[in-house]
Amino acid sequence: MLEKLRGIPGDVPWLRHHRLVRRIGVDLVARPRNPQWASWLGLASCLLVAPVYAENWQITPSIALGETLTNNLYLTSSNKTSDLVTGITPGISIDGHSGRASLRFNYSVTQYLYARESSQNNLQQGLNAFGTLEAIENWLFIDASGTISQQNISAFGKVAPSDANVDNNRTETFYYSISPYIKGRFLSSTEYFLRYTASGTNADSSAVSDSTMSQWLGRINGDTHWGPLSWALNASSVSTRYDVGRDRDDTRYGLTLSYRLTPQFQLSLIAGRETTNLVSLNDETHSDSGFGILWTPSPRTKLEGSMTRRFFGNGYNVAFSHRMPRALLTYAASNDVSYQPSGVTNTGQGANYNAYYAIIAANNPGLSPDAIKAQVNQVLQGRGVPADGTVVNGYLTNRPNLQKSQQLSLALLGVRNTLTFSATESQQQPLGVVNGLTDDYSLANEVTQRGFGVIWGLQLTGFSSLSLSLNEQRSLANGTGSLDTKTQGAYLLFTTRLSPSTQANVGARRVISDGGVNANYTESALTAALSHSF
């Protein structure tokens, strides 16, 4: 039946041999509202797991049982409802790589059962997947990714501390992306790159418009007879389609000349044009010129940045990192057009994972990527630190927006202690008007979100750990409205390993929220969980 539904031939041998993986990649994530994206993701999963039998691949089923005793299930300011919530979570992870393909696939489904409020029983999915296939050796590649996650509808509504809470400001959101690209070299010193990406977002809430996006990105670059001078021709085209509201298009092309003044410092000049209808009904053409720098004073320090004059003013991207023997400091800032919040499209391992990977890799230059990954997971699990340290994931929008953001993070790795700190601020302004659908920009012409988080982890023994997390998230409206939502939380978690494949934890949390749209509440909860992988 699967082959008939998806139009995939049933007599292909590797498809028959990997029926389980195909069903996870297609059937489990298929949704009646928009089956097209599930077909794309399912086909991509089939392609990317083709060599699963060949080399280093791990398929790990798991099961988890969680209990949450909360004194405010509905996150209300009065008439609080206490409840005991049971979560049963089967899941599967596929992680591996061969000479031509790699895949990281994590899927789970949680059945929440409420002891008192049984009418709220619900099923929630979770997916984080990314894979790549080298379809033609050294020339044609295919990237595919997908997420299923809980996303906030409004920046000014409640921010739920747990998926077990009942919150009408949250909706299950699906995102997919499939991206074939080619790259190669000609004339000995010239490289080319061409990528096409098709992606889409689908939310369960009718308050949010579904969208699809197609994007072309091309580059030709090379060196010159003057050794320090290099050049690059860049072009991009983005088309976004919304269920409600008009379509948006943006096309850019330009020339970049780069000159390496010293081995550590490079200066670039950028000149180009941009045609867009992001802020008007008709296409408008603007100059797109600026400069860039690349400074690497040492192997441990890097500063890279660019600024261009665009239709909305000065657009820029800045990235700085400095690595110490047991620490990593990073800073990033940007002012650019945003089509989706980072929480929807992020298929990475997580900010904390990336930070500790960089520290461990630098201190162990001879280790293989798999060995480094194993050490990172040992640190995170052994200290009770989540892989993702994101404080503010944003909110769903019905139109593109201009986003000015900056992020600062610090990760410290000790013998038994870890400490991570992250802070972020973003300002979003809507680009254009959407008729027939309201969102946060109907209340404010600018939304500012700020947040910070501190996570301390301590390895008590070889089998147990203790972690403490403190965070704050704040959303402010600038314009006709005067909304201001602030949510603060403290989380304490004790984790122990009962066997190599079994882990248990108990925790407590306290959350205080005020302001916004019906966002005043306090909540205290006790949690416990038992998980086992097979």
Protein backbone atom coordinates (compact mmCIF):
# COMPACT_ATOMS: atom_id res chain seq x y z
CA MET A 1 0.00 0.00 0.00
CA LEU A 2 2.85 2.40 0.77
CA GLU A 3 4.20 2.16 -2.78
CA LYS A 4 0.75 2.86 -4.24
CA LEU A 5 0.17 5.82 -1.96
CA ARG A 6 3.52 7.45 -2.70
CA GLY A 7 4.05 6.30 -6.26
CA ILE A 8 7.32 4.56 -5.38
CA PRO A 9 8.03 1.26 -7.20
CA GLY A 10 7.60 -1.69 -4.90
CA ASP A 11 10.16 -3.92 -6.61
CA VAL A 12 13.25 -1.84 -5.79
CA PRO A 13 15.38 -4.15 -3.57
CA TRP A 14 16.72 -1.60 -1.09
CA LEU A 15 13.23 -0.20 -0.60
CA ARG A 16 11.94 -3.65 0.31
CA HIS A 17 14.85 -4.22 2.70
CA HIS A 18 14.19 -0.94 4.55
CA ARG A 19 10.41 -0.95 4.84
CA LEU A 20 10.58 0.03 8.53
CA VAL A 21 12.71 3.09 7.87
CA ARG A 22 10.49 4.13 4.96
CA ARG A 23 7.38 3.88 7.09
CA ILE A 24 8.97 6.04 9.76
CA GLY A 25 10.09 8.56 7.15
CA VAL A 26 6.71 8.73 5.40
CA ASP A 27 3.78 7.31 7.31
CA LEU A 28 4.54 8.60 10.81
CA VAL A 29 5.00 12.18 9.69
CA ALA A 30 2.24 12.27 7.08
CA ARG A 31 -0.54 14.76 7.81
CA PRO A 32 -3.99 14.89 6.16
CA ARG A 33 -3.92 18.70 5.90
CA ASN A 34 -0.90 18.85 3.62
CA PRO A 35 0.41 15.47 2.47
CA GLN A 36 2.71 16.96 -0.17
CA TRP A 37 5.49 17.87 2.25
CA ALA A 38 5.33 14.41 3.84
CA SER A 39 5.80 12.84 0.42
CA TRP A 40 8.91 14.96 -0.16
CA LEU A 41 10.33 14.09 3.25
CA GLY A 42 9.44 10.42 2.91
CA LEU A 43 11.13 10.18 -0.48
CA ALA A 44 14.18 11.99 0.88
CA SER A 45 14.34 9.56 3.82
CA CYS A 46 14.21 6.63 1.41
CA LEU A 47 17.05 8.08 -0.66
CA LEU A 48 19.24 8.92 2.28
CA VAL A 49 18.97 5.58 4.07
CA ALA A 50 19.75 3.58 0.95
CA PRO A 51 23.26 2.58 2.12
CA VAL A 52 22.11 1.82 5.68
CA TYR A 53 23.27 -1.79 5.39
CA ALA A 54 26.71 -0.82 4.12
CA GLU A 55 28.82 0.72 6.85
CA ASN A 56 28.56 2.51 10.17
CA TRP A 57 24.84 2.85 10.91
CA GLN A 58 22.97 2.59 14.20
CA ILE A 59 19.20 2.19 14.55
CA THR A 60 18.11 2.62 18.18
CA PRO A 61 14.50 2.21 19.31
CA SER A 62 13.64 3.66 22.72
CA ILE A 63 10.80 4.00 25.19
CA ALA A 64 10.32 6.57 27.95
CA LEU A 65 7.79 7.02 30.73
CA GLY A 66 7.40 10.45 32.31
CA GLU A 67 5.32 11.82 35.18
CA THR A 68 4.56 15.49 35.86
CA LEU A 69 2.77 16.68 38.99
CA THR A 70 1.79 20.30 38.36
CA ASN A 71 -0.23 22.75 40.44
CA ASN A 72 -1.31 24.77 37.36
CA LEU A 73 -2.09 22.59 34.37
CA TYR A 74 -3.72 25.36 32.30
CA LEU A 75 -1.22 28.09 33.32
CA THR A 76 -3.92 30.43 34.61
CA SER A 77 -3.68 33.31 37.08
CA SER A 78 -6.65 32.07 39.14
CA ASN A 79 -8.65 28.87 39.65
CA LYS A 80 -5.54 26.76 39.21
CA THR A 81 -6.03 23.12 38.29
CA SER A 82 -3.64 20.52 39.69
CA ASP A 83 -3.07 17.30 37.79
CA LEU A 84 -0.79 14.31 37.37
CA VAL A 85 0.26 13.93 33.74
CA THR A 86 1.69 10.72 32.33
CA GLY A 87 3.71 10.80 29.14
CA ILE A 88 4.52 7.61 27.21
CA THR A 89 7.10 8.19 24.49
CA PRO A 90 8.25 5.51 22.04
CA GLY A 91 10.91 6.73 19.64
CA ILE A 92 13.54 5.71 17.16
CA SER A 93 16.86 7.24 16.15
CA ILE A 94 18.96 6.49 13.09
CA ASP A 95 22.50 7.79 13.06
CA GLY A 96 25.20 6.87 10.64
CA HIS A 97 27.33 7.58 7.64
CA SER A 98 28.90 5.78 4.73
CA GLY A 99 31.11 6.93 1.93
CA ARG A 100 28.19 8.44 0.03
CA ALA A 101 25.46 9.17 2.58
CA SER A 102 24.82 10.28 6.13
CA LEU A 103 21.66 10.58 8.19
CA ARG A 104 20.69 11.82 11.63
CA PHE A 105 17.03 10.97 12.25
CA ASN A 106 15.21 11.26 15.58
CA TYR A 107 11.48 10.65 15.75
CA SER A 108 9.22 10.24 18.77
CA VAL A 109 5.53 10.33 19.58
CA THR A 110 4.25 11.11 23.07
CA GLN A 111 0.85 10.12 24.41
CA TYR A 112 -0.11 12.45 27.26
CA LEU A 113 -2.66 11.08 29.75
CA TYR A 114 -4.21 13.37 32.39
CA ALA A 115 -5.38 11.85 35.67
CA ARG A 116 -8.08 14.48 36.34
CA GLU A 117 -8.54 16.33 33.04
CA SER A 118 -8.82 13.28 30.80
CA SER A 119 -10.57 15.30 28.09
CA GLN A 120 -7.17 16.92 27.42
CA ASN A 121 -5.46 13.63 26.50
CA ASN A 122 -3.42 14.26 23.38
CA LEU A 123 -0.71 12.92 21.10
CA GLN A 124 2.36 14.99 20.18
CA GLN A 125 5.04 14.18 17.62
CA GLY A 126 8.68 15.19 17.56
CA LEU A 127 11.05 14.98 14.61
CA ASN A 128 14.55 16.27 13.98
CA ALA A 129 16.15 14.87 10.85
CA PHE A 130 18.96 15.83 8.52
CA GLY A 131 20.67 13.80 5.86
CA THR A 132 22.83 14.14 2.78
CA LEU A 133 23.43 11.88 -0.21
CA GLU A 134 26.27 12.09 -2.72
CA ALA A 135 24.19 11.04 -5.73
CA ILE A 136 26.99 11.53 -8.29
CA GLU A 137 30.50 11.32 -6.88
CA ASN A 138 32.10 14.71 -6.27
CA TRP A 139 29.38 16.54 -8.23
CA LEU A 140 25.68 16.06 -7.34
CA PHE A 141 24.53 16.09 -3.71
CA ILE A 142 21.11 16.06 -2.04
CA ASP A 143 20.38 17.47 1.42
CA ALA A 144 17.07 16.77 3.13
CA SER A 145 15.77 17.84 6.53
CA GLY A 146 12.57 17.90 8.52
CA THR A 147 11.23 18.92 11.92
CA ILE A 148 8.05 18.46 13.90
CA SER A 149 7.96 20.72 16.95
CA GLN A 150 5.75 22.73 19.26
CA GLN A 151 5.91 26.44 18.37
CA ASN A 152 4.50 29.57 19.98
CA ILE A 153 1.78 31.30 17.98
CA SER A 154 2.23 34.70 19.64
CA ALA A 155 5.20 36.34 21.32
CA PHE A 156 2.83 37.86 23.89
CA GLY A 157 0.95 34.72 24.91
CA LYS A 158 1.88 32.14 27.49
CA VAL A 159 5.26 30.44 27.28
CA ALA A 160 4.64 26.91 28.54
CA PRO A 161 7.40 25.34 30.66
CA SER A 162 6.52 21.85 29.42
CA ASP A 163 4.68 20.12 26.60
CA ALA A 164 2.59 18.44 29.30
CA ASN A 165 0.89 21.75 30.14
CA VAL A 166 -2.27 22.65 28.23
CA ASP A 167 -1.53 25.85 26.32
CA ASN A 168 -3.58 27.37 23.47
CA ASN A 169 -0.62 29.57 22.47
CA ARG A 170 1.23 26.57 21.09
CA THR A 171 0.74 24.51 17.96
CA GLU A 172 2.41 21.50 16.37
CA THR A 173 4.39 22.72 13.38
CA PHE A 174 5.87 20.75 10.49
CA TYR A 175 8.82 21.83 8.36
CA TYR A 176 10.55 20.08 5.46
CA SER A 177 13.38 20.96 3.13
CA ILE A 178 14.92 19.09 0.19
CA SER A 179 17.91 20.66 -1.49
CA PRO A 180 19.88 19.18 -4.43
CA TYR A 181 23.07 20.98 -5.41
CA ILE A 182 26.08 20.61 -7.67
CA LYS A 183 29.61 21.83 -7.20
CA GLY A 184 32.83 21.47 -9.10
CA ARG A 185 35.87 23.12 -10.62
CA PHE A 186 36.90 24.23 -14.09
CA LEU A 187 39.84 26.13 -15.59
CA SER A 188 41.95 24.80 -12.71
CA SER A 189 41.36 27.79 -10.39
CA THR A 190 37.61 28.42 -10.78
CA GLU A 191 34.89 26.80 -8.69
CA TYR A 192 31.13 26.73 -9.23
CA PHE A 193 28.19 25.97 -6.96
CA LEU A 194 24.45 25.80 -7.70
CA ARG A 195 21.75 24.84 -5.18
CA TYR A 196 17.97 24.59 -5.37
CA THR A 197 15.93 24.33 -2.16
CA ALA A 198 12.23 23.52 -1.82
CA SER A 199 10.82 23.90 1.70
CA GLY A 200 7.50 24.31 3.43
CA THR A 201 5.93 24.96 6.82
CA ASN A 202 2.57 23.64 7.98
CA ALA A 203 1.00 24.47 11.37
CA ASP A 204 -2.02 22.82 12.96
CA SER A 205 -3.42 26.20 14.04
CA SER A 206 -5.71 28.11 11.67
CA ALA A 207 -4.27 31.33 13.11
CA VAL A 208 -1.06 30.73 11.17
CA SER A 209 -0.71 30.71 7.40
CA ASP A 210 1.03 27.72 5.81
CA SER A 211 3.84 28.60 3.44
CA THR A 212 6.13 27.11 0.81
CA MET A 213 9.43 28.46 -0.41
CA SER A 214 11.65 27.83 -3.42
CA GLN A 215 15.16 29.20 -3.56
CA TRP A 216 18.02 29.23 -6.06
CA LEU A 217 21.56 30.01 -4.96
CA GLY A 218 24.54 30.15 -7.30
CA ARG A 219 28.19 31.11 -7.05
CA ILE A 220 31.25 31.15 -9.31
CA ASN A 221 34.54 32.09 -7.68
CA GLY A 222 38.21 31.90 -8.41
CA ASP A 223 41.71 33.28 -7.98
CA THR A 224 43.60 35.70 -10.19
CA HIS A 225 47.18 36.05 -11.41
CA TRP A 226 47.64 38.49 -8.53
CA GLY A 227 47.86 35.98 -5.69
CA PRO A 228 46.17 37.97 -2.89
CA LEU A 229 43.19 38.94 -5.11
CA SER A 230 40.17 36.65 -5.58
CA TRP A 231 36.70 37.14 -7.01
CA ALA A 232 33.18 35.69 -6.75
CA LEU A 233 29.94 36.10 -8.67
CA ASN A 234 26.87 35.44 -6.51
CA ALA A 235 23.16 35.19 -7.36
CA SER A 236 20.09 34.18 -5.37
CA SER A 237 16.35 34.06 -5.92
CA VAL A 238 13.70 33.41 -3.24
CA SER A 239 9.96 32.91 -3.86
CA THR A 240 7.62 32.47 -0.89
CA ARG A 241 3.97 31.46 -1.18
CA TYR A 242 1.46 31.92 1.66
CA ASP A 243 -2.01 30.39 2.00
CA VAL A 244 -3.29 33.79 3.09
CA GLY A 245 -1.77 37.00 1.77
CA ARG A 246 0.24 37.74 -1.31
CA ASP A 247 3.33 35.98 -2.60
CA ARG A 248 6.80 37.46 -2.08
CA ASP A 249 9.85 37.39 -4.35
CA ASP A 250 13.41 38.60 -3.90
CA THR A 251 16.33 38.35 -6.36
CA ARG A 252 19.92 39.42 -5.73
CA TYR A 253 23.10 39.25 -7.78
CA GLY A 254 26.51 40.79 -7.36
CA LEU A 255 30.29 40.70 -7.62
CA THR A 256 32.68 40.35 -4.67
CA LEU A 257 36.39 41.19 -4.90
CA SER A 258 38.53 40.02 -1.99
CA TYR A 259 42.11 41.03 -1.24
CA ARG A 260 44.23 39.34 1.42
CA LEU A 261 46.29 42.15 2.92
CA THR A 262 48.10 39.81 5.33
CA PRO A 263 47.82 36.08 6.01
CA GLN A 264 45.47 36.98 8.87
CA PHE A 265 43.36 39.76 7.33
CA GLN A 266 41.19 39.87 4.20
CA LEU A 267 39.10 42.77 2.90
CA SER A 268 36.22 42.41 0.42
CA LEU A 269 34.24 44.86 -1.71
CA ILE A 270 30.67 43.97 -2.76
CA ALA A 271 28.62 45.45 -5.61
CA GLY A 272 25.28 44.24 -6.92
CA ARG A 273 21.55 44.76 -7.43
CA GLU A 274 18.42 43.52 -5.68
CA THR A 275 14.87 43.29 -7.08
CA THR A 276 12.09 42.63 -4.59
CA ASN A 277 8.40 43.06 -3.80
CA LEU A 278 8.78 42.44 -0.06
CA VAL A 279 7.64 45.94 0.85
CA SER A 280 5.52 46.92 -2.15
CA LEU A 281 3.00 45.35 -4.51
CA ASN A 282 5.32 45.85 -7.49
CA ASP A 283 8.95 44.89 -7.96
CA GLU A 284 11.49 47.51 -6.95
CA THR A 285 15.18 47.46 -7.83
CA HIS A 286 17.87 48.76 -5.47
CA SER A 287 21.65 48.80 -5.35
CA ASP A 288 23.24 46.14 -3.17
CA SER A 289 26.78 47.19 -2.30
CA GLY A 290 29.02 47.02 0.72
CA PHE A 291 32.15 45.44 2.18
CA GLY A 292 33.33 42.46 4.21
CA ILE A 293 36.24 41.52 6.46
CA LEU A 294 37.81 38.25 7.58
CA TRP A 295 40.32 38.36 10.44
CA THR A 296 41.97 35.28 11.93
CA PRO A 297 44.69 36.55 14.29
CA SER A 298 45.24 33.00 15.58
CA PRO A 299 43.85 29.49 15.07
CA ARG A 300 41.72 30.09 18.18
CA THR A 301 40.16 33.41 17.17
CA LYS A 302 38.07 34.37 14.15
CA LEU A 303 36.07 37.46 13.19
CA GLU A 304 34.02 37.52 10.00
CA GLY A 305 31.57 40.17 8.92
CA SER A 306 29.89 41.90 6.02
CA MET A 307 27.64 44.92 5.53
CA THR A 308 25.61 45.85 2.45
CA ARG A 309 23.26 48.70 1.65
CA ARG A 310 19.89 47.14 0.83
CA PHE A 311 16.26 48.19 0.31
CA PHE A 312 15.62 48.31 4.07
CA GLY A 313 18.87 50.06 5.02
CA ASN A 314 22.11 48.49 6.19
CA GLY A 315 22.06 44.72 6.25
CA TYR A 316 24.89 42.96 8.05
CA ASN A 317 26.18 39.64 9.38
CA VAL A 318 28.88 39.40 12.03
CA ALA A 319 30.32 36.24 13.61
CA PHE A 320 33.06 36.15 16.26
CA SER A 321 34.50 33.17 18.12
CA HIS A 322 37.36 32.78 20.57
CA ARG A 323 38.40 29.42 21.92
CA MET A 324 40.29 28.95 25.17
CA PRO A 325 41.73 25.63 26.40
CA ARG A 326 38.47 24.65 28.16
CA ALA A 327 36.04 27.32 27.01
CA LEU A 328 34.41 28.80 23.92
CA LEU A 329 33.07 32.33 23.51
CA THR A 330 30.89 33.20 20.50
CA TYR A 331 29.01 36.28 19.35
CA ALA A 332 26.79 36.74 16.30
CA ALA A 333 24.79 39.69 15.02
CA SER A 334 22.70 40.19 11.89
CA ASN A 335 20.16 42.44 10.23
CA ASP A 336 18.37 40.57 7.46
CA VAL A 337 15.05 39.33 6.12
CA SER A 338 13.61 36.37 8.05
CA TYR A 339 10.94 34.02 6.71
CA GLN A 340 10.63 31.56 9.62
CA PRO A 341 11.57 31.53 13.32
CA SER A 342 14.72 29.57 14.12
CA GLY A 343 12.82 27.07 16.22
CA VAL A 344 10.99 25.75 13.14
CA THR A 345 13.93 25.29 10.79
CA ASN A 346 16.71 24.34 13.21
CA THR A 347 17.82 20.75 12.56
CA GLY A 348 21.18 21.06 14.30
CA GLN A 349 22.37 19.09 17.31
CA GLY A 350 22.00 22.13 19.58
CA ALA A 351 24.05 25.13 20.71
CA ASN A 352 25.50 23.38 23.77
CA TYR A 353 26.40 20.32 21.71
CA ASN A 354 28.21 22.47 19.14
CA ALA A 355 30.14 24.40 21.79
CA TYR A 356 31.43 21.31 23.59
CA TYR A 357 32.19 19.61 20.28
CA ALA A 358 34.47 22.54 19.34
CA ILE A 359 36.23 22.45 22.74
CA ILE A 360 36.79 18.68 22.74
CA ALA A 361 37.86 18.60 19.08
CA ALA A 362 40.44 21.34 19.65
CA ASN A 363 41.91 19.57 22.67
CA ASN A 364 42.01 16.18 20.90
CA PRO A 365 43.18 16.85 17.32
CA GLY A 366 43.79 13.16 16.62
CA LEU A 367 40.27 11.97 17.48
CA SER A 368 37.86 10.91 14.77
CA PRO A 369 34.50 12.73 14.46
CA ASP A 370 32.70 9.68 15.88
CA ALA A 371 35.00 9.60 18.92
CA ILE A 372 34.51 13.33 19.51
CA LYS A 373 30.76 12.91 19.22
CA ALA A 374 30.84 10.12 21.81
CA GLN A 375 32.76 12.32 24.23
CA VAL A 376 30.35 15.22 23.73
CA ASN A 377 27.35 13.00 24.44
CA GLN A 378 29.11 11.64 27.51
CA VAL A 379 29.66 15.19 28.83
CA LEU A 380 26.08 16.30 28.16
CA GLN A 381 24.45 13.18 29.56
CA GLY A 382 26.92 12.84 32.42
CA ARG A 383 26.31 16.41 33.61
CA GLY A 384 22.58 16.56 32.89
CA VAL A 385 22.99 19.37 30.32
CA PRO A 386 20.56 19.61 27.37
CA ALA A 387 22.09 19.59 23.90
CA ASP A 388 20.08 22.67 22.92
CA GLY A 389 20.56 25.76 25.05
CA THR A 390 18.28 28.04 23.02
CA VAL A 391 16.43 30.52 25.25
CA VAL A 392 14.14 32.24 22.71
CA ASN A 393 12.76 30.23 19.79
CA GLY A 394 10.61 33.02 18.36
CA TYR A 395 7.00 32.79 17.21
CA LEU A 396 5.09 31.96 14.05
CA THR A 397 4.39 34.75 11.56
CA ASN A 398 2.24 35.15 8.46
CA ARG A 399 4.64 37.25 6.46
CA PRO A 400 8.38 37.93 6.09
CA ASN A 401 9.91 40.27 8.62
CA LEU A 402 13.03 42.33 9.03
CA GLN A 403 14.96 40.86 11.94
CA LYS A 404 17.83 42.49 13.77
CA SER A 405 19.39 40.03 16.20
CA GLN A 406 22.44 39.40 18.35
CA GLN A 407 23.50 36.36 20.35
CA LEU A 408 26.23 35.86 22.95
CA SER A 409 27.22 32.48 24.37
CA LEU A 410 29.91 31.10 26.66
CA ALA A 411 30.61 27.43 27.41
CA LEU A 412 33.02 26.23 30.12
CA LEU A 413 34.10 22.60 30.43
CA GLY A 414 35.66 21.45 33.70
CA VAL A 415 36.67 18.05 35.02
CA ARG A 416 33.29 17.53 36.72
CA ASN A 417 31.47 20.84 36.13
CA THR A 418 30.08 22.52 33.06
CA LEU A 419 28.66 26.01 32.77
CA THR A 420 26.86 27.50 29.78
CA PHE A 421 25.55 31.02 29.41
CA SER A 422 23.56 32.38 26.49
CA ALA A 423 21.86 35.69 25.84
CA THR A 424 19.89 36.82 22.82
CA GLU A 425 17.96 39.83 21.57
CA SER A 426 15.94 40.18 18.38
CA GLN A 427 13.82 42.96 16.92
CA GLN A 428 11.32 42.09 14.19
CA GLN A 429 9.43 44.47 11.93
CA PRO A 430 6.79 43.25 9.44
CA LEU A 431 7.41 43.58 5.71
CA GLY A 432 4.07 44.35 4.08
CA VAL A 433 0.45 43.91 5.15
CA VAL A 434 -1.56 40.66 5.25
CA ASN A 435 -5.30 41.04 4.63
CA GLY A 436 -7.69 38.59 6.26
CA LEU A 437 -5.28 37.25 8.89
CA THR A 438 -4.02 38.75 12.14
CA ASP A 439 -0.76 38.17 13.96
CA ASP A 440 1.48 39.96 16.46
CA TYR A 441 2.20 42.68 13.90
CA SER A 442 -1.47 43.62 14.01
CA LEU A 443 -0.76 44.79 17.59
CA ALA A 444 2.69 46.29 17.15
CA ASN A 445 4.85 47.59 14.33
CA GLU A 446 7.93 46.14 16.07
CA VAL A 447 8.35 43.16 18.40
CA THR A 448 11.42 42.85 20.60
CA GLN A 449 12.38 39.59 22.30
CA ARG A 450 15.16 39.25 24.86
CA GLY A 451 16.28 36.27 26.85
CA PHE A 452 19.12 34.66 28.75
CA GLY A 453 19.84 31.27 30.21
CA VAL A 454 22.41 29.77 32.59
CA ILE A 455 22.90 26.01 32.93
CA TRP A 456 25.25 24.52 35.51
CA GLY A 457 25.94 20.80 35.41
CA LEU A 458 27.81 18.71 37.98
CA GLN A 459 28.83 15.10 37.60
CA LEU A 460 28.30 13.66 41.08
CA THR A 461 29.51 10.13 40.36
CA GLY A 462 30.20 8.02 37.33
CA PHE A 463 26.48 7.31 37.11
CA SER A 464 24.68 10.43 38.38
CA SER A 465 24.58 14.18 37.84
CA LEU A 466 22.86 17.32 39.05
CA SER A 467 21.96 20.32 36.92
CA LEU A 468 20.43 23.72 37.63
CA SER A 469 18.95 25.95 34.92
CA LEU A 470 17.83 29.56 35.22
CA ASN A 471 16.29 31.44 32.32
CA GLU A 472 14.23 34.47 31.41
CA GLN A 473 12.35 35.41 28.25
CA ARG A 474 10.75 38.77 27.57
CA SER A 475 8.66 40.07 24.67
CA LEU A 476 7.84 43.76 24.17
CA ALA A 477 5.58 45.52 21.67
CA ASN A 478 6.62 48.84 20.17
CA GLY A 479 3.77 50.71 18.53
CA THR A 480 0.12 51.26 19.28
CA GLY A 481 0.06 48.41 21.79
CA SER A 482 1.92 48.34 25.10
CA LEU A 483 2.27 44.59 25.63
CA ASP A 484 5.11 43.27 27.75
CA THR A 485 5.43 39.58 28.62
CA LYS A 486 8.13 38.21 30.91
CA THR A 487 8.59 34.54 31.85
CA GLN A 488 11.21 33.38 34.38
CA GLY A 489 12.00 29.79 35.28
CA ALA A 490 14.23 27.74 37.58
CA TYR A 491 14.76 24.03 36.94
CA LEU A 492 16.59 21.48 39.12
CA LEU A 493 17.26 17.99 37.75
CA PHE A 494 18.94 14.88 39.20
CA THR A 495 19.84 12.21 36.66
CA THR A 496 21.21 8.72 37.21
CA ARG A 497 22.08 5.82 34.94
CA LEU A 498 20.59 2.53 36.11
CA SER A 499 22.23 0.49 33.35
CA PRO A 500 24.11 1.22 30.12
CA SER A 501 20.74 1.53 28.35
CA THR A 502 18.46 2.78 31.14
CA GLN A 503 18.35 6.25 32.66
CA ALA A 504 16.14 7.88 35.29
CA ASN A 505 15.70 11.45 36.49
CA VAL A 506 13.70 13.45 39.00
CA GLY A 507 13.29 17.21 38.93
CA ALA A 508 11.49 20.28 40.18
CA ARG A 509 10.66 23.60 38.56
CA ARG A 510 9.22 27.00 39.41
CA VAL A 511 7.96 29.35 36.69
CA ILE A 512 6.66 32.92 37.03
CA SER A 513 5.05 34.75 34.11
CA ASP A 514 3.35 38.14 33.92
CA GLY A 515 2.00 40.58 31.33
CA GLY A 516 1.07 39.87 27.73
CA VAL A 517 -2.21 38.35 26.57
CA ASN A 518 -3.55 36.18 29.42
CA ALA A 519 0.05 35.30 30.28
CA ASN A 520 -0.07 35.93 34.04
CA TYR A 521 0.58 32.71 35.94
CA THR A 522 2.82 30.90 38.39
CA GLU A 523 3.50 27.19 38.29
CA SER A 524 5.35 24.66 40.43
CA ALA A 525 5.89 21.09 39.31
CA LEU A 526 7.68 17.87 40.20
CA THR A 527 8.82 15.58 37.41
CA ALA A 528 10.19 12.05 37.07
CA ALA A 529 11.13 10.02 34.01
CA LEU A 530 12.50 6.61 33.11
CA SER A 531 13.91 5.89 29.65
CA HIS A 532 15.37 2.81 28.02
CA SER A 533 17.00 2.30 24.63
CA PHE A 534 17.15 -1.07 22.91
